[in-house]
Amino acid sequence: KDKKRFEQFIEKKRNALLVLPRYDHSLSRSVVDIIDLNNFEVIHTYKHDIAEMNSKVKNIDEFPRIKIENSPVRSKYQHPLLLEDGSIISNSGKSVVFKIDFCSNLQWINDEEMFHHSLMLDHEGNIWVGGRMNPKSKYVEKYKIKDFLDDSIIKINIDGKILFNKSVTEILIENNIF
């Protein structure tokens, strides 16, 4: 605090929060902290019942080992998206996408596809997220490319319904980029 170069950060009030997914060793699980960037205090923590969520997964073909690979001790909140109502939408990397409310109650899951990486909110209030095509796209199936992971770009609405799902491979081929 006594360093001149840091005064610009200490003196001003910021209207900013940090959404910090982390592993809590004392709980043996992942949590999401909301941190006030004015004083760096944790103002809220999310931690929903992961085992309960896994028990609601019906797409066993896509997620045969969900209770092992996404067990409470192994699950992680990957790129959680904080919404205006205080709820968050997240995934655990190669897993379902889900929404929990401010009190960490599960609102919905989408187990239609395998979701991974970051979630981005667009200007219409829909969410874009990476996914994995299953079955694979027409080009990957046509050429029988062994062990090729056919990633896709998926648009879901705020209620978790898939609005658009397209193979990245198809996008590249159809636009003569591949």
C-alpha atoms as a PDB file:
ATOM      1  CA  LYS A   1       0.000   0.000   0.000  1.00  0.00           C
ATOM      2  CA  ASP A   2       2.888   2.382   0.609  1.00  0.00           C
ATOM      3  CA  LYS A   3       4.306   1.951  -2.906  1.00  0.00           C
ATOM      4  CA  LYS A   4       3.605   4.926  -5.148  1.00  0.00           C
ATOM      5  CA  ARG A   5       2.974   2.800  -8.251  1.00  0.00           C
ATOM      6  CA  PHE A   6       0.041   1.004  -6.576  1.00  0.00           C
ATOM      7  CA  GLU A   7      -1.874   4.137  -5.519  1.00  0.00           C
ATOM      8  CA  GLN A   8      -3.907   4.098  -8.724  1.00  0.00           C
ATOM      9  CA  PHE A   9      -5.390   0.749  -7.720  1.00  0.00           C
ATOM     10  CA  ILE A  10      -5.935   1.421  -4.018  1.00  0.00           C
ATOM     11  CA  GLU A  11      -7.494   4.881  -4.167  1.00  0.00           C
ATOM     12  CA  LYS A  12     -10.229   4.194  -6.722  1.00  0.00           C
ATOM     13  CA  LYS A  13     -13.407   2.229  -6.237  1.00  0.00           C
ATOM     14  CA  ARG A  14     -14.022  -0.264  -9.006  1.00  0.00           C
ATOM     15  CA  ASN A  15     -17.314  -1.681 -10.138  1.00  0.00           C
ATOM     16  CA  ALA A  16     -15.728  -5.055 -10.800  1.00  0.00           C
ATOM     17  CA  LEU A  17     -15.905  -8.625  -9.566  1.00  0.00           C
ATOM     18  CA  LEU A  18     -13.616 -11.581 -10.114  1.00  0.00           C
ATOM     19  CA  VAL A  19     -15.247 -14.935 -10.818  1.00  0.00           C
ATOM     20  CA  LEU A  20     -12.686 -17.416  -9.502  1.00  0.00           C
ATOM     21  CA  PRO A  21     -13.167 -21.166  -9.964  1.00  0.00           C
ATOM     22  CA  ARG A  22     -10.772 -23.018  -7.664  1.00  0.00           C
ATOM     23  CA  TYR A  23     -10.198 -26.281  -5.842  1.00  0.00           C
ATOM     24  CA  ASP A  24     -10.843 -26.126  -2.087  1.00  0.00           C
ATOM     25  CA  HIS A  25      -8.660 -28.766  -0.425  1.00  0.00           C
ATOM     26  CA  SER A  26     -10.498 -28.515   2.890  1.00  0.00           C
ATOM     27  CA  LEU A  27     -13.735 -29.466   1.104  1.00  0.00           C
ATOM     28  CA  SER A  28     -12.056 -31.867  -1.381  1.00  0.00           C
ATOM     29  CA  ARG A  29     -13.956 -30.268  -4.238  1.00  0.00           C
ATOM     30  CA  SER A  30     -14.153 -27.374  -6.627  1.00  0.00           C
ATOM     31  CA  VAL A  31     -15.956 -24.129  -5.780  1.00  0.00           C
ATOM     32  CA  VAL A  32     -16.515 -20.747  -7.441  1.00  0.00           C
ATOM     33  CA  ASP A  33     -15.724 -17.632  -5.436  1.00  0.00           C
ATOM     34  CA  ILE A  34     -16.982 -14.153  -6.296  1.00  0.00           C
ATOM     35  CA  ILE A  35     -14.376 -11.636  -5.177  1.00  0.00           C
ATOM     36  CA  ASP A  36     -14.877  -7.893  -4.742  1.00  0.00           C
ATOM     37  CA  LEU A  37     -11.941  -6.254  -6.534  1.00  0.00           C
ATOM     38  CA  ASN A  38     -12.084  -3.211  -4.256  1.00  0.00           C
ATOM     39  CA  ASN A  39     -11.018  -5.114  -1.138  1.00  0.00           C
ATOM     40  CA  PHE A  40     -10.314  -8.617  -2.531  1.00  0.00           C
ATOM     41  CA  GLU A  41     -12.801 -10.192  -0.140  1.00  0.00           C
ATOM     42  CA  VAL A  42     -14.820 -13.257  -1.085  1.00  0.00           C
ATOM     43  CA  ILE A  43     -18.433 -12.089  -1.159  1.00  0.00           C
ATOM     44  CA  HIS A  44     -20.054 -15.340  -2.299  1.00  0.00           C
ATOM     45  CA  THR A  45     -19.171 -18.976  -2.941  1.00  0.00           C
ATOM     46  CA  TYR A  46     -20.967 -21.479  -5.188  1.00  0.00           C
ATOM     47  CA  LYS A  47     -20.787 -25.240  -4.582  1.00  0.00           C
ATOM     48  CA  HIS A  48     -23.665 -27.334  -5.856  1.00  0.00           C
ATOM     49  CA  ASP A  49     -24.306 -31.031  -5.252  1.00  0.00           C
ATOM     50  CA  ILE A  50     -22.268 -32.640  -8.025  1.00  0.00           C
ATOM     51  CA  ALA A  51     -23.283 -36.223  -7.178  1.00  0.00           C
ATOM     52  CA  GLU A  52     -26.967 -35.239  -7.444  1.00  0.00           C
ATOM     53  CA  MET A  53     -26.314 -33.585 -10.806  1.00  0.00           C
ATOM     54  CA  ASN A  54     -24.490 -36.679 -12.098  1.00  0.00           C
ATOM     55  CA  SER A  55     -27.436 -38.864 -11.078  1.00  0.00           C
ATOM     56  CA  LYS A  56     -29.678 -36.786 -13.393  1.00  0.00           C
ATOM     57  CA  VAL A  57     -27.562 -37.475 -16.491  1.00  0.00           C
ATOM     58  CA  LYS A  58     -29.645 -39.672 -18.815  1.00  0.00           C
ATOM     59  CA  ASN A  59     -27.336 -39.750 -21.859  1.00  0.00           C
ATOM     60  CA  ILE A  60     -25.232 -42.698 -20.691  1.00  0.00           C
ATOM     61  CA  ASP A  61     -23.962 -43.322 -24.268  1.00  0.00           C
ATOM     62  CA  GLU A  62     -22.240 -39.924 -24.201  1.00  0.00           C
ATOM     63  CA  PHE A  63     -21.259 -40.053 -20.514  1.00  0.00           C
ATOM     64  CA  PRO A  64     -20.750 -43.709 -19.495  1.00  0.00           C
ATOM     65  CA  ARG A  65     -18.256 -42.794 -16.754  1.00  0.00           C
ATOM     66  CA  ILE A  66     -19.781 -39.508 -15.534  1.00  0.00           C
ATOM     67  CA  LYS A  67     -19.926 -40.633 -11.901  1.00  0.00           C
ATOM     68  CA  ILE A  68     -16.197 -41.432 -11.987  1.00  0.00           C
ATOM     69  CA  GLU A  69     -14.749 -38.771 -14.272  1.00  0.00           C
ATOM     70  CA  ASN A  70     -16.971 -36.002 -12.897  1.00  0.00           C
ATOM     71  CA  SER A  71     -17.130 -37.205  -9.296  1.00  0.00           C
ATOM     72  CA  PRO A  72     -17.276 -34.462  -6.653  1.00  0.00           C
ATOM     73  CA  VAL A  73     -13.558 -34.767  -5.909  1.00  0.00           C
ATOM     74  CA  ARG A  74     -12.605 -34.563  -9.633  1.00  0.00           C
ATOM     75  CA  SER A  75     -15.209 -32.151 -10.991  1.00  0.00           C
ATOM     76  CA  LYS A  76     -14.194 -28.589 -11.716  1.00  0.00           C
ATOM     77  CA  TYR A  77     -16.072 -25.467 -12.668  1.00  0.00           C
ATOM     78  CA  GLN A  78     -14.622 -24.605 -16.059  1.00  0.00           C
ATOM     79  CA  HIS A  79     -15.009 -20.975 -17.159  1.00  0.00           C
ATOM     80  CA  PRO A  80     -18.172 -20.270 -15.118  1.00  0.00           C
ATOM     81  CA  LEU A  81     -20.376 -17.596 -16.650  1.00  0.00           C
ATOM     82  CA  LEU A  82     -21.933 -15.269 -14.064  1.00  0.00           C
ATOM     83  CA  LEU A  83     -25.392 -14.024 -15.059  1.00  0.00           C
ATOM     84  CA  GLU A  84     -27.171 -10.860 -13.910  1.00  0.00           C
ATOM     85  CA  ASP A  85     -29.498 -12.782 -11.568  1.00  0.00           C
ATOM     86  CA  GLY A  86     -26.505 -14.220  -9.702  1.00  0.00           C
ATOM     87  CA  SER A  87     -26.756 -17.677 -11.241  1.00  0.00           C
ATOM     88  CA  ILE A  88     -23.849 -19.315 -13.051  1.00  0.00           C
ATOM     89  CA  ILE A  89     -23.614 -21.591 -16.072  1.00  0.00           C
ATOM     90  CA  SER A  90     -20.592 -23.847 -16.312  1.00  0.00           C
ATOM     91  CA  ASN A  91     -19.247 -27.233 -17.325  1.00  0.00           C
ATOM     92  CA  SER A  92     -16.510 -29.456 -15.996  1.00  0.00           C
ATOM     93  CA  GLY A  93     -14.603 -29.959 -19.223  1.00  0.00           C
ATOM     94  CA  LYS A  94     -15.792 -32.783 -21.482  1.00  0.00           C
ATOM     95  CA  SER A  95     -19.000 -32.984 -19.485  1.00  0.00           C
ATOM     96  CA  VAL A  96     -22.554 -31.699 -19.300  1.00  0.00           C
ATOM     97  CA  VAL A  97     -23.292 -27.990 -19.178  1.00  0.00           C
ATOM     98  CA  PHE A  98     -25.340 -26.860 -16.190  1.00  0.00           C
ATOM     99  CA  LYS A  99     -26.880 -23.869 -14.466  1.00  0.00           C
ATOM    100  CA  ILE A 100     -27.005 -23.278 -10.719  1.00  0.00           C
ATOM    101  CA  ASP A 101     -28.775 -20.426  -8.967  1.00  0.00           C
ATOM    102  CA  PHE A 102     -27.292 -18.006  -6.419  1.00  0.00           C
ATOM    103  CA  CYS A 103     -27.935 -20.542  -3.634  1.00  0.00           C
ATOM    104  CA  SER A 104     -26.114 -23.303  -5.592  1.00  0.00           C
ATOM    105  CA  ASN A 105     -29.327 -25.142  -6.453  1.00  0.00           C
ATOM    106  CA  LEU A 106     -29.155 -27.005  -9.752  1.00  0.00           C
ATOM    107  CA  GLN A 107     -31.538 -25.355 -12.251  1.00  0.00           C
ATOM    108  CA  TRP A 108     -30.884 -27.522 -15.303  1.00  0.00           C
ATOM    109  CA  ILE A 109     -28.360 -29.714 -17.092  1.00  0.00           C
ATOM    110  CA  ASN A 110     -27.861 -30.381 -20.780  1.00  0.00           C
ATOM    111  CA  ASP A 111     -26.412 -33.828 -21.478  1.00  0.00           C
ATOM    112  CA  GLU A 112     -27.187 -33.921 -25.237  1.00  0.00           C
ATOM    113  CA  GLU A 113     -23.540 -33.264 -26.162  1.00  0.00           C
ATOM    114  CA  MET A 114     -20.162 -33.229 -24.476  1.00  0.00           C
ATOM    115  CA  PHE A 115     -19.317 -29.594 -23.663  1.00  0.00           C
ATOM    116  CA  HIS A 116     -15.879 -28.129 -23.011  1.00  0.00           C
ATOM    117  CA  HIS A 117     -14.010 -24.881 -22.556  1.00  0.00           C
ATOM    118  CA  SER A 118     -15.327 -21.380 -22.119  1.00  0.00           C
ATOM    119  CA  LEU A 119     -18.860 -20.081 -22.324  1.00  0.00           C
ATOM    120  CA  MET A 120     -19.597 -16.698 -23.870  1.00  0.00           C
ATOM    121  CA  LEU A 121     -22.798 -14.681 -23.659  1.00  0.00           C
ATOM    122  CA  ASP A 122     -23.864 -13.022 -26.923  1.00  0.00           C
ATOM    123  CA  HIS A 123     -25.872  -9.836 -27.524  1.00  0.00           C
ATOM    124  CA  GLU A 124     -29.133 -11.839 -27.661  1.00  0.00           C
ATOM    125  CA  GLY A 125     -28.578 -13.493 -24.276  1.00  0.00           C
ATOM    126  CA  ASN A 126     -27.602 -16.868 -25.736  1.00  0.00           C
ATOM    127  CA  ILE A 127     -24.494 -18.791 -24.774  1.00  0.00           C
ATOM    128  CA  TRP A 128     -21.793 -20.114 -27.105  1.00  0.00           C
ATOM    129  CA  VAL A 129     -19.653 -23.041 -25.943  1.00  0.00           C
ATOM    130  CA  GLY A 130     -17.317 -25.622 -27.451  1.00  0.00           C
ATOM    131  CA  GLY A 131     -18.570 -29.172 -27.803  1.00  0.00           C
ATOM    132  CA  ARG A 132     -17.820 -32.551 -29.293  1.00  0.00           C
ATOM    133  CA  MET A 133     -19.904 -33.910 -32.180  1.00  0.00           C
ATOM    134  CA  ASN A 134     -21.428 -37.326 -31.588  1.00  0.00           C
ATOM    135  CA  PRO A 135     -22.171 -38.768 -34.036  1.00  0.00           C
ATOM    136  CA  LYS A 136     -19.283 -37.252 -35.942  1.00  0.00           C
ATOM    137  CA  SER A 137     -19.926 -34.834 -38.802  1.00  0.00           C
ATOM    138  CA  LYS A 138     -20.476 -35.968 -42.385  1.00  0.00           C
ATOM    139  CA  TYR A 139     -16.882 -35.295 -43.442  1.00  0.00           C
ATOM    140  CA  VAL A 140     -15.281 -37.116 -40.545  1.00  0.00           C
ATOM    141  CA  GLU A 141     -17.622 -40.087 -41.008  1.00  0.00           C
ATOM    142  CA  LYS A 142     -17.058 -40.117 -44.780  1.00  0.00           C
ATOM    143  CA  TYR A 143     -13.281 -40.373 -44.513  1.00  0.00           C
ATOM    144  CA  LYS A 144     -13.272 -42.584 -41.400  1.00  0.00           C
ATOM    145  CA  ILE A 145     -10.542 -40.582 -39.718  1.00  0.00           C
ATOM    146  CA  LYS A 146      -9.430 -42.750 -36.817  1.00  0.00           C
ATOM    147  CA  ASP A 147      -9.266 -41.195 -33.345  1.00  0.00           C
ATOM    148  CA  PHE A 148     -10.251 -37.764 -34.702  1.00  0.00           C
ATOM    149  CA  LEU A 149     -12.114 -35.636 -32.166  1.00  0.00           C
ATOM    150  CA  ASP A 150     -14.790 -33.721 -34.040  1.00  0.00           C
ATOM    151  CA  ASP A 151     -15.207 -30.499 -32.065  1.00  0.00           C
ATOM    152  CA  SER A 152     -18.175 -28.237 -32.617  1.00  0.00           C
ATOM    153  CA  ILE A 153     -19.474 -24.810 -31.754  1.00  0.00           C
ATOM    154  CA  ILE A 154     -22.759 -24.883 -29.849  1.00  0.00           C
ATOM    155  CA  LYS A 155     -25.266 -22.136 -29.155  1.00  0.00           C
ATOM    156  CA  ILE A 156     -27.619 -22.710 -26.213  1.00  0.00           C
ATOM    157  CA  ASN A 157     -30.290 -20.483 -24.775  1.00  0.00           C
ATOM    158  CA  ILE A 158     -30.429 -19.385 -21.151  1.00  0.00           C
ATOM    159  CA  ASP A 159     -32.605 -22.435 -20.372  1.00  0.00           C
ATOM    160  CA  GLY A 160     -29.977 -24.860 -21.721  1.00  0.00           C
ATOM    161  CA  LYS A 161     -31.692 -25.764 -25.005  1.00  0.00           C
ATOM    162  CA  ILE A 162     -29.368 -26.274 -27.983  1.00  0.00           C
ATOM    163  CA  LEU A 163     -30.198 -23.769 -30.732  1.00  0.00           C
ATOM    164  CA  PHE A 164     -27.237 -24.436 -33.042  1.00  0.00           C
ATOM    165  CA  ASN A 165     -24.521 -27.105 -33.220  1.00  0.00           C
ATOM    166  CA  LYS A 166     -21.999 -27.267 -36.067  1.00  0.00           C
ATOM    167  CA  SER A 167     -18.780 -29.185 -36.545  1.00  0.00           C
ATOM    168  CA  VAL A 168     -15.688 -26.975 -36.723  1.00  0.00           C
ATOM    169  CA  THR A 169     -14.359 -29.380 -39.374  1.00  0.00           C
ATOM    170  CA  GLU A 170     -17.477 -28.745 -41.502  1.00  0.00           C
ATOM    171  CA  ILE A 171     -17.134 -24.976 -41.046  1.00  0.00           C
ATOM    172  CA  LEU A 172     -13.503 -25.092 -42.225  1.00  0.00           C
ATOM    173  CA  ILE A 173     -14.193 -27.354 -45.229  1.00  0.00           C
ATOM    174  CA  GLU A 174     -17.322 -25.486 -46.351  1.00  0.00           C
ATOM    175  CA  ASN A 175     -15.361 -22.221 -46.279  1.00  0.00           C
ATOM    176  CA  ASN A 176     -12.306 -23.649 -48.090  1.00  0.00           C
ATOM    177  CA  ILE A 177     -10.077 -23.105 -45.086  1.00  0.00           C
ATOM    178  CA  PHE A 178      -9.242 -26.755 -44.369  1.00  0.00           C
END
